[in-house]
C-alpha atoms as a PDB file:
ATOM      1  CA  MET A   1      16.068  -6.039  23.098  1.00  0.00           C
ATOM      2  CA  LYS A   2      17.989  -4.334  20.450  1.00  0.00           C
ATOM      3  CA  LYS A   3      20.693  -1.534  21.445  1.00  0.00           C
ATOM      4  CA  ILE A   4      18.823   0.812  19.139  1.00  0.00           C
ATOM      5  CA  VAL A   5      16.213   1.443  21.890  1.00  0.00           C
ATOM      6  CA  LEU A   6      18.391   2.640  24.495  1.00  0.00           C
ATOM      7  CA  GLU A   7      20.716   4.418  22.004  1.00  0.00           C
ATOM      8  CA  PHE A   8      17.575   6.465  20.491  1.00  0.00           C
ATOM      9  CA  LEU A   9      16.374   7.290  23.862  1.00  0.00           C
ATOM     10  CA  GLY A  10      19.908   8.654  24.980  1.00  0.00           C
ATOM     11  CA  GLU A  11      20.236  10.850  22.039  1.00  0.00           C
ATOM     12  CA  LEU A  12      16.636  12.186  22.500  1.00  0.00           C
ATOM     13  CA  ILE A  13      17.434  13.284  26.068  1.00  0.00           C
ATOM     14  CA  THR A  14      19.684  15.881  24.859  1.00  0.00           C
ATOM     15  CA  ASN A  15      17.746  16.667  21.615  1.00  0.00           C
ATOM     16  CA  ASN A  16      14.276  16.824  22.796  1.00  0.00           C
ATOM     17  CA  ASN A  17      12.706  18.893  20.139  1.00  0.00           C
ATOM     18  CA  ARG A  18      10.620  18.548  16.827  1.00  0.00           C
ATOM     19  CA  GLU A  19      13.328  19.263  14.422  1.00  0.00           C
ATOM     20  CA  TRP A  20      15.702  16.701  15.775  1.00  0.00           C
ATOM     21  CA  PHE A  21      12.817  14.061  16.222  1.00  0.00           C
ATOM     22  CA  GLN A  22      11.605  14.666  12.639  1.00  0.00           C
ATOM     23  CA  ALA A  23      15.028  14.238  11.250  1.00  0.00           C
ATOM     24  CA  HIS A  24      15.337  11.007  13.201  1.00  0.00           C
ATOM     25  CA  LYS A  25      11.861   9.931  12.816  1.00  0.00           C
ATOM     26  CA  ALA A  26      12.964   6.572  11.065  1.00  0.00           C
ATOM     27  CA  ILE A  27      15.281   5.681  13.842  1.00  0.00           C
ATOM     28  CA  TYR A  28      12.456   6.303  16.221  1.00  0.00           C
ATOM     29  CA  ASP A  29      10.058   4.029  14.282  1.00  0.00           C
ATOM     30  CA  GLU A  30      12.582   1.294  14.496  1.00  0.00           C
ATOM     31  CA  ALA A  31      13.307   1.573  18.063  1.00  0.00           C
ATOM     32  CA  LYS A  32       9.531   1.872  18.897  1.00  0.00           C
ATOM     33  CA  ASN A  33       8.949  -1.478  16.613  1.00  0.00           C
ATOM     34  CA  GLU A  34      11.578  -3.215  18.680  1.00  0.00           C
ATOM     35  CA  PHE A  35      10.166  -2.282  21.961  1.00  0.00           C
ATOM     36  CA  GLU A  36       6.581  -3.371  20.649  1.00  0.00           C
ATOM     37  CA  SER A  37       7.852  -6.585  19.477  1.00  0.00           C
ATOM     38  CA  VAL A  38       9.268  -7.432  22.935  1.00  0.00           C
ATOM     39  CA  ILE A  39       5.710  -6.557  24.422  1.00  0.00           C
ATOM     40  CA  ASN A  40       4.174  -8.816  21.648  1.00  0.00           C
ATOM     41  CA  ALA A  41       6.700 -11.656  22.692  1.00  0.00           C
ATOM     42  CA  LEU A  42       5.855 -11.265  26.404  1.00  0.00           C
ATOM     43  CA  ILE A  43       2.183 -11.486  26.005  1.00  0.00           C
ATOM     44  CA  PRO A  44       1.894 -15.043  25.155  1.00  0.00           C
ATOM     45  CA  GLY A  45       4.404 -16.114  27.950  1.00  0.00           C
ATOM     46  CA  ILE A  46       2.189 -14.231  30.458  1.00  0.00           C
ATOM     47  CA  ALA A  47      -0.946 -15.812  29.091  1.00  0.00           C
ATOM     48  CA  LYS A  48       0.370 -19.173  30.038  1.00  0.00           C
ATOM     49  CA  PHE A  49      -0.126 -18.430  33.682  1.00  0.00           C
ATOM     50  CA  ASP A  50      -2.523 -15.385  33.252  1.00  0.00           C
ATOM     51  CA  GLU A  51      -5.145 -16.202  30.577  1.00  0.00           C
ATOM     52  CA  SER A  52      -6.747 -12.543  30.871  1.00  0.00           C
ATOM     53  CA  VAL A  53      -4.107 -11.171  28.589  1.00  0.00           C
ATOM     54  CA  LYS A  54      -4.268 -13.607  25.735  1.00  0.00           C
ATOM     55  CA  PHE A  55      -6.342 -11.577  23.532  1.00  0.00           C
ATOM     56  CA  ILE A  56      -4.505  -8.250  23.531  1.00  0.00           C
ATOM     57  CA  THR A  57      -1.486  -7.092  21.302  1.00  0.00           C
ATOM     58  CA  GLY A  58       1.434  -4.779  21.754  1.00  0.00           C
ATOM     59  CA  LYS A  59      -0.179  -1.972  20.333  1.00  0.00           C
ATOM     60  CA  ASP A  60      -2.864  -2.170  22.890  1.00  0.00           C
ATOM     61  CA  CYS A  61      -0.242  -2.006  25.684  1.00  0.00           C
ATOM     62  CA  VAL A  62       2.495   0.357  24.573  1.00  0.00           C
ATOM     63  CA  PHE A  63       1.938   4.011  25.909  1.00  0.00           C
ATOM     64  CA  ARG A  64       1.934   7.042  23.771  1.00  0.00           C
ATOM     65  CA  PHE A  65       5.318   8.452  23.108  1.00  0.00           C
ATOM     66  CA  TYR A  66       4.214  11.982  22.658  1.00  0.00           C
ATOM     67  CA  ARG A  67       3.816  14.102  25.850  1.00  0.00           C
ATOM     68  CA  ASP A  68       0.662  16.222  26.872  1.00  0.00           C
ATOM     69  CA  ILE A  69       2.317  19.463  27.605  1.00  0.00           C
ATOM     70  CA  ARG A  70      -0.826  21.706  27.960  1.00  0.00           C
ATOM     71  CA  PHE A  71      -0.810  21.840  31.638  1.00  0.00           C
ATOM     72  CA  SER A  72       2.888  21.038  32.120  1.00  0.00           C
ATOM     73  CA  ASN A  73       5.680  23.379  33.123  1.00  0.00           C
ATOM     74  CA  ASP A  74       8.103  20.917  31.050  1.00  0.00           C
ATOM     75  CA  LYS A  75       7.302  21.477  27.462  1.00  0.00           C
ATOM     76  CA  THR A  76       9.763  19.120  25.836  1.00  0.00           C
ATOM     77  CA  PRO A  77       7.343  17.279  23.313  1.00  0.00           C
ATOM     78  CA  TYR A  78       8.428  13.724  23.984  1.00  0.00           C
ATOM     79  CA  LYS A  79       8.831  11.060  26.500  1.00  0.00           C
ATOM     80  CA  THR A  80      12.430   9.815  27.093  1.00  0.00           C
ATOM     81  CA  ASN A  81      11.216   6.227  27.774  1.00  0.00           C
ATOM     82  CA  PHE A  82       9.147   3.363  26.362  1.00  0.00           C
ATOM     83  CA  GLY A  83       6.531   1.743  28.570  1.00  0.00           C
ATOM     84  CA  GLY A  84       4.246  -0.962  28.043  1.00  0.00           C
ATOM     85  CA  PHE A  85       1.320  -2.233  30.339  1.00  0.00           C
ATOM     86  CA  ILE A  86       0.120  -5.826  29.730  1.00  0.00           C
ATOM     87  CA  THR A  87      -3.343  -6.275  31.061  1.00  0.00           C
ATOM     88  CA  LYS A  88      -6.853  -7.349  29.999  1.00  0.00           C
ATOM     89  CA  GLY A  89      -8.214  -4.385  28.084  1.00  0.00           C
ATOM     90  CA  GLY A  90      -4.713  -2.716  27.235  1.00  0.00           C
ATOM     91  CA  LYS A  91      -3.079   0.172  28.706  1.00  0.00           C
ATOM     92  CA  LYS A  92      -6.279   2.168  29.219  1.00  0.00           C
ATOM     93  CA  SER A  93      -7.441  -0.450  31.744  1.00  0.00           C
ATOM     94  CA  HIS A  94      -7.640   0.255  35.393  1.00  0.00           C
ATOM     95  CA  GLY A  95      -6.952  -3.266  36.442  1.00  0.00           C
ATOM     96  CA  PRO A  96      -3.744  -5.015  37.529  1.00  0.00           C
ATOM     97  CA  GLY A  97      -1.298  -5.899  34.893  1.00  0.00           C
ATOM     98  CA  TYR A  98       2.289  -6.211  34.136  1.00  0.00           C
ATOM     99  CA  TYR A  99       4.634  -3.178  33.199  1.00  0.00           C
ATOM    100  CA  LEU A 100       8.014  -2.730  31.285  1.00  0.00           C
ATOM    101  CA  HIS A 101       9.631   0.512  31.432  1.00  0.00           C
ATOM    102  CA  VAL A 102      12.905   1.329  29.503  1.00  0.00           C
ATOM    103  CA  SER A 103      15.071   4.502  29.760  1.00  0.00           C
ATOM    104  CA  PRO A 104      18.723   5.627  29.714  1.00  0.00           C
ATOM    105  CA  GLU A 105      18.083   6.492  33.281  1.00  0.00           C
ATOM    106  CA  GLU A 106      16.167   3.454  34.493  1.00  0.00           C
ATOM    107  CA  CYS A 107      14.824   0.032  33.326  1.00  0.00           C
ATOM    108  CA  PHE A 108      12.547  -1.841  35.597  1.00  0.00           C
ATOM    109  CA  LEU A 109       9.791  -4.590  35.495  1.00  0.00           C
ATOM    110  CA  SER A 110       6.611  -3.614  37.395  1.00  0.00           C
ATOM    111  CA  GLY A 111       3.050  -4.484  37.819  1.00  0.00           C
ATOM    112  CA  GLY A 112      -0.211  -4.054  39.916  1.00  0.00           C
ATOM    113  CA  ILE A 113      -2.361  -0.992  39.973  1.00  0.00           C
ATOM    114  CA  TRP A 114      -0.850   2.500  39.729  1.00  0.00           C
ATOM    115  CA  MET A 115      -3.066   5.426  41.230  1.00  0.00           C
ATOM    116  CA  PRO A 116      -6.469   3.859  41.191  1.00  0.00           C
ATOM    117  CA  ALA A 117      -9.394   5.880  41.455  1.00  0.00           C
ATOM    118  CA  PRO A 118     -10.689   6.553  45.006  1.00  0.00           C
ATOM    119  CA  ASP A 119     -13.632   4.033  44.735  1.00  0.00           C
ATOM    120  CA  ILE A 120     -11.076   1.294  43.431  1.00  0.00           C
ATOM    121  CA  MET A 121      -8.645   2.285  46.091  1.00  0.00           C
ATOM    122  CA  LYS A 122     -11.271   1.791  48.713  1.00  0.00           C
ATOM    123  CA  LYS A 123     -12.185  -1.779  47.216  1.00  0.00           C
ATOM    124  CA  ILE A 124      -8.552  -2.892  47.424  1.00  0.00           C
ATOM    125  CA  ARG A 125      -7.930  -1.635  50.920  1.00  0.00           C
ATOM    126  CA  GLN A 126     -11.320  -3.421  52.109  1.00  0.00           C
ATOM    127  CA  GLU A 127     -10.084  -6.699  50.475  1.00  0.00           C
ATOM    128  CA  ILE A 128      -6.749  -6.335  52.081  1.00  0.00           C
ATOM    129  CA  TYR A 129      -8.459  -5.566  55.573  1.00  0.00           C
ATOM    130  CA  PHE A 130     -10.983  -8.412  55.517  1.00  0.00           C
ATOM    131  CA  ASN A 131      -8.322 -10.933  53.923  1.00  0.00           C
ATOM    132  CA  ILE A 132      -5.149  -9.769  55.582  1.00  0.00           C
ATOM    133  CA  ASN A 133      -3.758 -13.338  56.340  1.00  0.00           C
ATOM    134  CA  GLU A 134      -4.241 -14.375  52.692  1.00  0.00           C
ATOM    135  CA  PHE A 135      -2.632 -11.134  51.516  1.00  0.00           C
ATOM    136  CA  LYS A 136       0.342 -11.169  53.778  1.00  0.00           C
ATOM    137  CA  GLY A 137       0.687 -14.970  52.496  1.00  0.00           C
ATOM    138  CA  ILE A 138       1.039 -13.632  49.120  1.00  0.00           C
ATOM    139  CA  ILE A 139       3.618 -11.003  49.761  1.00  0.00           C
ATOM    140  CA  SER A 140       5.677 -13.238  52.024  1.00  0.00           C
ATOM    141  CA  ASN A 141       5.821 -16.281  49.726  1.00  0.00           C
ATOM    142  CA  LYS A 142       9.258 -17.305  48.737  1.00  0.00           C
ATOM    143  CA  ALA A 143       8.507 -17.001  44.782  1.00  0.00           C
ATOM    144  CA  PHE A 144       7.267 -13.433  45.728  1.00  0.00           C
ATOM    145  CA  THR A 145      10.274 -12.370  47.950  1.00  0.00           C
ATOM    146  CA  LYS A 146      12.739 -13.610  45.481  1.00  0.00           C
ATOM    147  CA  TYR A 147      12.131 -10.279  43.349  1.00  0.00           C
ATOM    148  CA  PHE A 148      10.107  -8.111  45.571  1.00  0.00           C
ATOM    149  CA  THR A 149      10.818  -6.832  48.964  1.00  0.00           C
ATOM    150  CA  ASP A 150       7.537  -5.165  49.565  1.00  0.00           C
ATOM    151  CA  ILE A 151       4.751  -2.989  47.860  1.00  0.00           C
ATOM    152  CA  ASP A 152       6.259   0.338  46.638  1.00  0.00           C
ATOM    153  CA  ASP A 153       5.798   2.857  49.356  1.00  0.00           C
ATOM    154  CA  TRP A 154       6.515   5.916  47.332  1.00  0.00           C
ATOM    155  CA  ASP A 155       2.768   6.833  47.392  1.00  0.00           C
ATOM    156  CA  ARG A 156       1.966   5.910  50.802  1.00  0.00           C
ATOM    157  CA  GLN A 157      -0.117   8.550  52.924  1.00  0.00           C
ATOM    158  CA  LYS A 158       1.043   9.632  56.191  1.00  0.00           C
ATOM    159  CA  THR A 159      -2.095   8.959  58.106  1.00  0.00           C
ATOM    160  CA  ALA A 160      -4.322   5.765  58.107  1.00  0.00           C
ATOM    161  CA  PRO A 161      -7.646   5.664  56.279  1.00  0.00           C
ATOM    162  CA  ARG A 162     -10.347   6.952  58.493  1.00  0.00           C
ATOM    163  CA  GLU A 163     -12.710   4.195  57.671  1.00  0.00           C
ATOM    164  CA  PHE A 164     -10.417   1.471  59.257  1.00  0.00           C
ATOM    165  CA  PRO A 165      -9.714   0.901  62.832  1.00  0.00           C
ATOM    166  CA  LYS A 166      -6.483   2.573  64.335  1.00  0.00           C
ATOM    167  CA  ASP A 167      -5.683  -0.557  66.082  1.00  0.00           C
ATOM    168  CA  PHE A 168      -5.385  -2.574  63.070  1.00  0.00           C
ATOM    169  CA  PRO A 169      -2.014  -4.058  63.204  1.00  0.00           C
ATOM    170  CA  ASP A 170      -1.081  -3.867  59.443  1.00  0.00           C
ATOM    171  CA  LEU A 171      -2.413  -0.270  58.982  1.00  0.00           C
ATOM    172  CA  ASP A 172       0.842   0.584  56.606  1.00  0.00           C
ATOM    173  CA  LEU A 173      -0.581  -1.730  54.129  1.00  0.00           C
ATOM    174  CA  LEU A 174      -3.786   0.159  54.005  1.00  0.00           C
ATOM    175  CA  LYS A 175      -1.805   3.580  53.665  1.00  0.00           C
ATOM    176  CA  ASN A 176      -1.031   2.789  49.971  1.00  0.00           C
ATOM    177  CA  ARG A 177      -2.547   4.956  47.258  1.00  0.00           C
ATOM    178  CA  SER A 178      -0.787   2.890  44.722  1.00  0.00           C
ATOM    179  CA  PHE A 179      -0.593  -0.917  44.754  1.00  0.00           C
ATOM    180  CA  THR A 180       2.453  -1.393  42.544  1.00  0.00           C
ATOM    181  CA  LEU A 181       5.602  -3.778  42.657  1.00  0.00           C
ATOM    182  CA  SER A 182       8.817  -3.048  41.212  1.00  0.00           C
ATOM    183  CA  LYS A 183      12.041  -4.926  40.268  1.00  0.00           C
ATOM    184  CA  GLY A 184      15.048  -3.165  38.660  1.00  0.00           C
ATOM    185  CA  LEU A 185      16.128  -4.387  35.313  1.00  0.00           C
ATOM    186  CA  ASP A 186      20.014  -4.381  34.547  1.00  0.00           C
ATOM    187  CA  LYS A 187      20.808  -3.020  30.901  1.00  0.00           C
ATOM    188  CA  LYS A 188      22.864  -5.960  30.291  1.00  0.00           C
ATOM    189  CA  VAL A 189      19.673  -8.276  30.779  1.00  0.00           C
ATOM    190  CA  LEU A 190      17.645  -6.135  28.736  1.00  0.00           C
ATOM    191  CA  GLU A 191      19.749  -6.434  25.891  1.00  0.00           C
ATOM    192  CA  SER A 192      20.350 -10.132  26.223  1.00  0.00           C
ATOM    193  CA  ASP A 193      18.767 -13.304  24.883  1.00  0.00           C
ATOM    194  CA  ASP A 194      17.639 -13.624  28.741  1.00  0.00           C
ATOM    195  CA  LEU A 195      15.319 -10.730  28.823  1.00  0.00           C
ATOM    196  CA  LEU A 196      12.068 -12.720  28.009  1.00  0.00           C
ATOM    197  CA  ASP A 197      12.747 -15.603  30.314  1.00  0.00           C
ATOM    198  CA  HIS A 198      13.792 -13.262  33.151  1.00  0.00           C
ATOM    199  CA  ALA A 199      10.805 -10.940  32.771  1.00  0.00           C
ATOM    200  CA  LEU A 200       8.494 -13.862  32.628  1.00  0.00           C
ATOM    201  CA  GLN A 201       9.852 -15.374  35.814  1.00  0.00           C
ATOM    202  CA  VAL A 202       9.302 -11.982  37.772  1.00  0.00           C
ATOM    203  CA  TYR A 203       5.705 -11.492  36.056  1.00  0.00           C
ATOM    204  CA  LYS A 204       4.798 -15.106  37.128  1.00  0.00           C
ATOM    205  CA  ALA A 205       5.962 -14.234  40.697  1.00  0.00           C
ATOM    206  CA  MET A 206       3.558 -11.273  40.625  1.00  0.00           C
ATOM    207  CA  TYR A 207       0.675 -13.214  39.451  1.00  0.00           C
ATOM    208  CA  PRO A 208      -0.949 -14.161  42.800  1.00  0.00           C
ATOM    209  CA  TYR A 209      -0.569 -10.604  43.799  1.00  0.00           C
ATOM    210  CA  ASN A 210      -2.263  -9.379  40.649  1.00  0.00           C
ATOM    211  CA  GLU A 211      -5.122 -11.983  41.135  1.00  0.00           C
ATOM    212  CA  PHE A 212      -5.862 -10.639  44.743  1.00  0.00           C
ATOM    213  CA  LEU A 213      -6.138  -7.031  43.227  1.00  0.00           C
ATOM    214  CA  ARG A 214      -8.251  -8.400  40.307  1.00  0.00           C
ATOM    215  CA  ARG A 215     -10.626 -10.045  42.701  1.00  0.00           C
ATOM    216  CA  ALA A 216     -11.016  -6.793  44.655  1.00  0.00           C
ATOM    217  CA  THR A 217     -11.261  -4.449  41.793  1.00  0.00           C
ATOM    218  CA  GLU A 218     -13.983  -6.573  39.994  1.00  0.00           C
ATOM    219  CA  ALA A 219     -15.993  -7.212  42.758  1.00  0.00           C
END
């Protein structure tokens, strides 16, 4: 990925206002197009092991850059990151997929399902509960643990869901309200020729996990 992406976002952090943005709109367009071109390059690579994404484009996947400030105390008008979610149906899909996040503060590769609706969350928890050995096999597989230590636990509720037995030995897995995986991305890799190969290796390791979630949510 060209350096212009992080350079533009870094400048925006200290100049997050409409006047500055309009004066630098051409640079924004170049940075956005560069990010979108990377997403477009990732899609056919992912489609080699996950055919569900083969009919989408970068435009389907890249999130809106303009912030919705109507109900926010933070009135800065623009995001300071680019994000793209590669999944069947594009970024508005509620199913599992593959995410790329780029900002001066943090870059990472991620995937799974973020903050599913209650009915979808219940389906995922039930799938894990009834197929716990299969699920634990996926997240303990060597290809998986090469990149991920566990499911992200930042959105884990303190108490166990009421509809599951309290003596279930893997209750912690059912406490998740989001079912995402994350892997930090070094900025040197981001701006190198190795980016696509590295990202595809991480996403391929994620694929069995996403397939498990897809089976749960589409049932």
